[in-house]
Amino acid sequence: MLRAKAGVFAAGEMLDWEAPTGGYLLQACFSTAVAVAQGMLHYTAQND
């Protein structure tokens, strides 16, 4: 979640990667999407 804007989440290719992905960028995008979905579920459960 973006720290400056509560409830706004980001996932995908345009993230600032700190490590070389070695051709696995697509998998990294999918993995961040899963992490974002889990974070959104957690966030909404706490803020209902």
PDB file of N, CA and C in Angstrom:
ATOM      1  N   MET A   1       0.853  -1.168   0.000  1.00  0.00           N
ATOM      2  CA  MET A   1       0.000   0.000   0.000  1.00  0.00           C
ATOM      3  C   MET A   1       0.897   1.228   0.000  1.00  0.00           C
ATOM      4  N   LEU A   2       0.500   2.224  -0.731  1.00  0.00           N
ATOM      5  CA  LEU A   2       1.231   3.480  -0.718  1.00  0.00           C
ATOM      6  C   LEU A   2       1.082   4.116   0.651  1.00  0.00           C
ATOM      7  N   ARG A   3       2.171   4.488   1.260  1.00  0.00           N
ATOM      8  CA  ARG A   3       2.112   5.021   2.619  1.00  0.00           C
ATOM      9  C   ARG A   3       1.432   6.393   2.676  1.00  0.00           C
ATOM     10  N   ALA A   4       1.596   7.195   1.649  1.00  0.00           N
ATOM     11  CA  ALA A   4       1.025   8.539   1.655  1.00  0.00           C
ATOM     12  C   ALA A   4      -0.480   8.544   1.407  1.00  0.00           C
ATOM     13  N   LYS A   5      -1.017   7.467   0.833  1.00  0.00           N
ATOM     14  CA  LYS A   5      -2.442   7.412   0.502  1.00  0.00           C
ATOM     15  C   LYS A   5      -3.011   6.073   0.962  1.00  0.00           C
ATOM     16  N   ALA A   6      -3.621   6.087   2.110  1.00  0.00           N
ATOM     17  CA  ALA A   6      -4.188   4.857   2.668  1.00  0.00           C
ATOM     18  C   ALA A   6      -5.258   4.293   1.733  1.00  0.00           C
ATOM     19  N   GLY A   7      -5.213   2.991   1.511  1.00  0.00           N
ATOM     20  CA  GLY A   7      -6.194   2.332   0.670  1.00  0.00           C
ATOM     21  C   GLY A   7      -5.832   2.291  -0.801  1.00  0.00           C
ATOM     22  N   VAL A   8      -4.657   2.805  -1.176  1.00  0.00           N
ATOM     23  CA  VAL A   8      -4.200   2.765  -2.568  1.00  0.00           C
ATOM     24  C   VAL A   8      -3.061   1.753  -2.654  1.00  0.00           C
ATOM     25  N   PHE A   9      -3.209   0.767  -3.512  1.00  0.00           N
ATOM     26  CA  PHE A   9      -2.235  -0.311  -3.631  1.00  0.00           C
ATOM     27  C   PHE A   9      -1.618  -0.299  -5.027  1.00  0.00           C
ATOM     28  N   ALA A  10      -0.388  -0.802  -5.157  1.00  0.00           N
ATOM     29  CA  ALA A  10       0.292  -0.833  -6.452  1.00  0.00           C
ATOM     30  C   ALA A  10       0.905  -2.209  -6.683  1.00  0.00           C
ATOM     31  N   ALA A  11       0.816  -2.678  -7.923  1.00  0.00           N
ATOM     32  CA  ALA A  11       1.412  -3.954  -8.302  1.00  0.00           C
ATOM     33  C   ALA A  11       1.764  -3.883  -9.774  1.00  0.00           C
ATOM     34  N   GLY A  12       2.739  -4.683 -10.180  1.00  0.00           N
ATOM     35  CA  GLY A  12       3.013  -4.795 -11.602  1.00  0.00           C
ATOM     36  C   GLY A  12       4.413  -4.430 -12.022  1.00  0.00           C
ATOM     37  N   GLU A  13       4.567  -4.246 -13.318  1.00  0.00           N
ATOM     38  CA  GLU A  13       5.877  -4.095 -13.943  1.00  0.00           C
ATOM     39  C   GLU A  13       6.564  -2.777 -13.610  1.00  0.00           C
ATOM     40  N   MET A  14       5.813  -1.729 -13.336  1.00  0.00           N
ATOM     41  CA  MET A  14       6.408  -0.416 -13.167  1.00  0.00           C
ATOM     42  C   MET A  14       6.914  -0.144 -11.751  1.00  0.00           C
ATOM     43  N   LEU A  15       6.986  -1.158 -10.915  1.00  0.00           N
ATOM     44  CA  LEU A  15       7.567  -0.992  -9.589  1.00  0.00           C
ATOM     45  C   LEU A  15       9.072  -0.827  -9.707  1.00  0.00           C
ATOM     46  N   ASP A  16       9.680  -0.199  -8.725  1.00  0.00           N
ATOM     47  CA  ASP A  16      11.130   0.002  -8.714  1.00  0.00           C
ATOM     48  C   ASP A  16      11.792  -1.243  -8.126  1.00  0.00           C
ATOM     49  N   TRP A  17      12.240  -2.142  -8.990  1.00  0.00           N
ATOM     50  CA  TRP A  17      12.852  -3.388  -8.534  1.00  0.00           C
ATOM     51  C   TRP A  17      14.264  -3.125  -8.044  1.00  0.00           C
ATOM     52  N   GLU A  18      14.596  -3.656  -6.872  1.00  0.00           N
ATOM     53  CA  GLU A  18      15.923  -3.486  -6.277  1.00  0.00           C
ATOM     54  C   GLU A  18      16.883  -4.603  -6.682  1.00  0.00           C
ATOM     55  N   ALA A  19      16.378  -5.676  -7.247  1.00  0.00           N
ATOM     56  CA  ALA A  19      17.220  -6.814  -7.602  1.00  0.00           C
ATOM     57  C   ALA A  19      17.003  -7.176  -9.073  1.00  0.00           C
ATOM     58  N   PRO A  20      18.019  -7.752  -9.712  1.00  0.00           N
ATOM     59  CA  PRO A  20      17.818  -8.199 -11.097  1.00  0.00           C
ATOM     60  C   PRO A  20      16.811  -9.345 -11.129  1.00  0.00           C
ATOM     61  N   THR A  21      15.922  -9.299 -12.104  1.00  0.00           N
ATOM     62  CA  THR A  21      14.888 -10.333 -12.167  1.00  0.00           C
ATOM     63  C   THR A  21      15.258 -11.482 -13.087  1.00  0.00           C
ATOM     64  N   GLY A  22      16.246 -11.301 -13.929  1.00  0.00           N
ATOM     65  CA  GLY A  22      16.724 -12.399 -14.764  1.00  0.00           C
ATOM     66  C   GLY A  22      15.675 -12.989 -15.685  1.00  0.00           C
ATOM     67  N   GLY A  23      14.784 -12.173 -16.217  1.00  0.00           N
ATOM     68  CA  GLY A  23      13.767 -12.682 -17.123  1.00  0.00           C
ATOM     69  C   GLY A  23      12.503 -13.144 -16.440  1.00  0.00           C
ATOM     70  N   TYR A  24      12.428 -12.984 -15.152  1.00  0.00           N
ATOM     71  CA  TYR A  24      11.254 -13.433 -14.407  1.00  0.00           C
ATOM     72  C   TYR A  24      10.352 -12.259 -14.022  1.00  0.00           C
ATOM     73  N   LEU A  25      10.401 -11.182 -14.789  1.00  0.00           N
ATOM     74  CA  LEU A  25       9.612 -10.005 -14.467  1.00  0.00           C
ATOM     75  C   LEU A  25       8.120 -10.313 -14.478  1.00  0.00           C
ATOM     76  N   LEU A  26       7.662 -11.108 -15.422  1.00  0.00           N
ATOM     77  CA  LEU A  26       6.239 -11.452 -15.485  1.00  0.00           C
ATOM     78  C   LEU A  26       5.817 -12.195 -14.221  1.00  0.00           C
ATOM     79  N   GLN A  27       6.621 -13.136 -13.771  1.00  0.00           N
ATOM     80  CA  GLN A  27       6.311 -13.859 -12.537  1.00  0.00           C
ATOM     81  C   GLN A  27       6.312 -12.907 -11.351  1.00  0.00           C
ATOM     82  N   ALA A  28       7.236 -11.965 -11.343  1.00  0.00           N
ATOM     83  CA  ALA A  28       7.273 -10.986 -10.263  1.00  0.00           C
ATOM     84  C   ALA A  28       6.012 -10.135 -10.266  1.00  0.00           C
ATOM     85  N   CYS A  29       5.510  -9.780 -11.436  1.00  0.00           N
ATOM     86  CA  CYS A  29       4.261  -9.016 -11.538  1.00  0.00           C
ATOM     87  C   CYS A  29       3.096  -9.817 -10.975  1.00  0.00           C
ATOM     88  N   PHE A  30       3.029 -11.085 -11.326  1.00  0.00           N
ATOM     89  CA  PHE A  30       1.964 -11.935 -10.792  1.00  0.00           C
ATOM     90  C   PHE A  30       2.081 -12.069  -9.276  1.00  0.00           C
ATOM     91  N   SER A  31       3.306 -12.209  -8.798  1.00  0.00           N
ATOM     92  CA  SER A  31       3.523 -12.360  -7.360  1.00  0.00           C
ATOM     93  C   SER A  31       3.123 -11.104  -6.606  1.00  0.00           C
ATOM     94  N   THR A  32       3.443  -9.923  -7.147  1.00  0.00           N
ATOM     95  CA  THR A  32       3.036  -8.696  -6.477  1.00  0.00           C
ATOM     96  C   THR A  32       1.521  -8.550  -6.512  1.00  0.00           C
ATOM     97  N   ALA A  33       0.882  -9.027  -7.568  1.00  0.00           N
ATOM     98  CA  ALA A  33      -0.579  -8.966  -7.639  1.00  0.00           C
ATOM     99  C   ALA A  33      -1.202  -9.809  -6.526  1.00  0.00           C
ATOM    100  N   VAL A  34      -0.641 -10.968  -6.267  1.00  0.00           N
ATOM    101  CA  VAL A  34      -1.138 -11.815  -5.182  1.00  0.00           C
ATOM    102  C   VAL A  34      -0.918 -11.124  -3.840  1.00  0.00           C
ATOM    103  N   ALA A  35       0.254 -10.540  -3.648  1.00  0.00           N
ATOM    104  CA  ALA A  35       0.551  -9.834  -2.400  1.00  0.00           C
ATOM    105  C   ALA A  35      -0.386  -8.647  -2.206  1.00  0.00           C
ATOM    106  N   VAL A  36      -0.665  -7.920  -3.284  1.00  0.00           N
ATOM    107  CA  VAL A  36      -1.583  -6.784  -3.199  1.00  0.00           C
ATOM    108  C   VAL A  36      -2.993  -7.259  -2.861  1.00  0.00           C
ATOM    109  N   ALA A  37      -3.441  -8.313  -3.498  1.00  0.00           N
ATOM    110  CA  ALA A  37      -4.780  -8.834  -3.216  1.00  0.00           C
ATOM    111  C   ALA A  37      -4.907  -9.241  -1.752  1.00  0.00           C
ATOM    112  N   GLN A  38      -3.892  -9.895  -1.218  1.00  0.00           N
ATOM    113  CA  GLN A  38      -3.923 -10.283   0.192  1.00  0.00           C
ATOM    114  C   GLN A  38      -3.902  -9.051   1.089  1.00  0.00           C
ATOM    115  N   GLY A  39      -3.100  -8.053   0.726  1.00  0.00           N
ATOM    116  CA  GLY A  39      -3.052  -6.818   1.493  1.00  0.00           C
ATOM    117  C   GLY A  39      -4.373  -6.074   1.470  1.00  0.00           C
ATOM    118  N   MET A  40      -5.028  -6.080   0.312  1.00  0.00           N
ATOM    119  CA  MET A  40      -6.330  -5.418   0.204  1.00  0.00           C
ATOM    120  C   MET A  40      -7.374  -6.120   1.079  1.00  0.00           C
ATOM    121  N   LEU A  41      -7.358  -7.432   1.067  1.00  0.00           N
ATOM    122  CA  LEU A  41      -8.293  -8.176   1.914  1.00  0.00           C
ATOM    123  C   LEU A  41      -8.056  -7.874   3.386  1.00  0.00           C
ATOM    124  N   HIS A  42      -6.805  -7.848   3.782  1.00  0.00           N
ATOM    125  CA  HIS A  42      -6.448  -7.537   5.168  1.00  0.00           C
ATOM    126  C   HIS A  42      -6.858  -6.105   5.526  1.00  0.00           C
ATOM    127  N   TYR A  43      -6.587  -5.166   4.626  1.00  0.00           N
ATOM    128  CA  TYR A  43      -6.910  -3.761   4.845  1.00  0.00           C
ATOM    129  C   TYR A  43      -8.419  -3.554   4.978  1.00  0.00           C
ATOM    130  N   THR A  44      -9.184  -4.158   4.084  1.00  0.00           N
ATOM    131  CA  THR A  44     -10.639  -3.976   4.131  1.00  0.00           C
ATOM    132  C   THR A  44     -11.257  -4.657   5.357  1.00  0.00           C
ATOM    133  N   ALA A  45     -10.686  -5.776   5.776  1.00  0.00           N
ATOM    134  CA  ALA A  45     -11.196  -6.468   6.959  1.00  0.00           C
ATOM    135  C   ALA A  45     -10.994  -5.621   8.210  1.00  0.00           C
ATOM    136  N   GLN A  46      -9.907  -4.865   8.260  1.00  0.00           N
ATOM    137  CA  GLN A  46      -9.618  -4.033   9.429  1.00  0.00           C
ATOM    138  C   GLN A  46     -10.383  -2.718   9.400  1.00  0.00           C
ATOM    139  N   ASN A  47     -10.804  -2.268   8.222  1.00  0.00           N
ATOM    140  CA  ASN A  47     -11.417  -0.940   8.083  1.00  0.00           C
ATOM    141  C   ASN A  47     -12.902  -1.002   7.740  1.00  0.00           C
ATOM    142  N   ASP A  48     -13.553  -2.096   8.057  1.00  0.00           N
ATOM    143  CA  ASP A  48     -15.000  -2.196   7.796  1.00  0.00           C
ATOM    144  C   ASP A  48     -15.789  -1.620   8.942  1.00  0.00           C
TER     145      ASP A  48
END
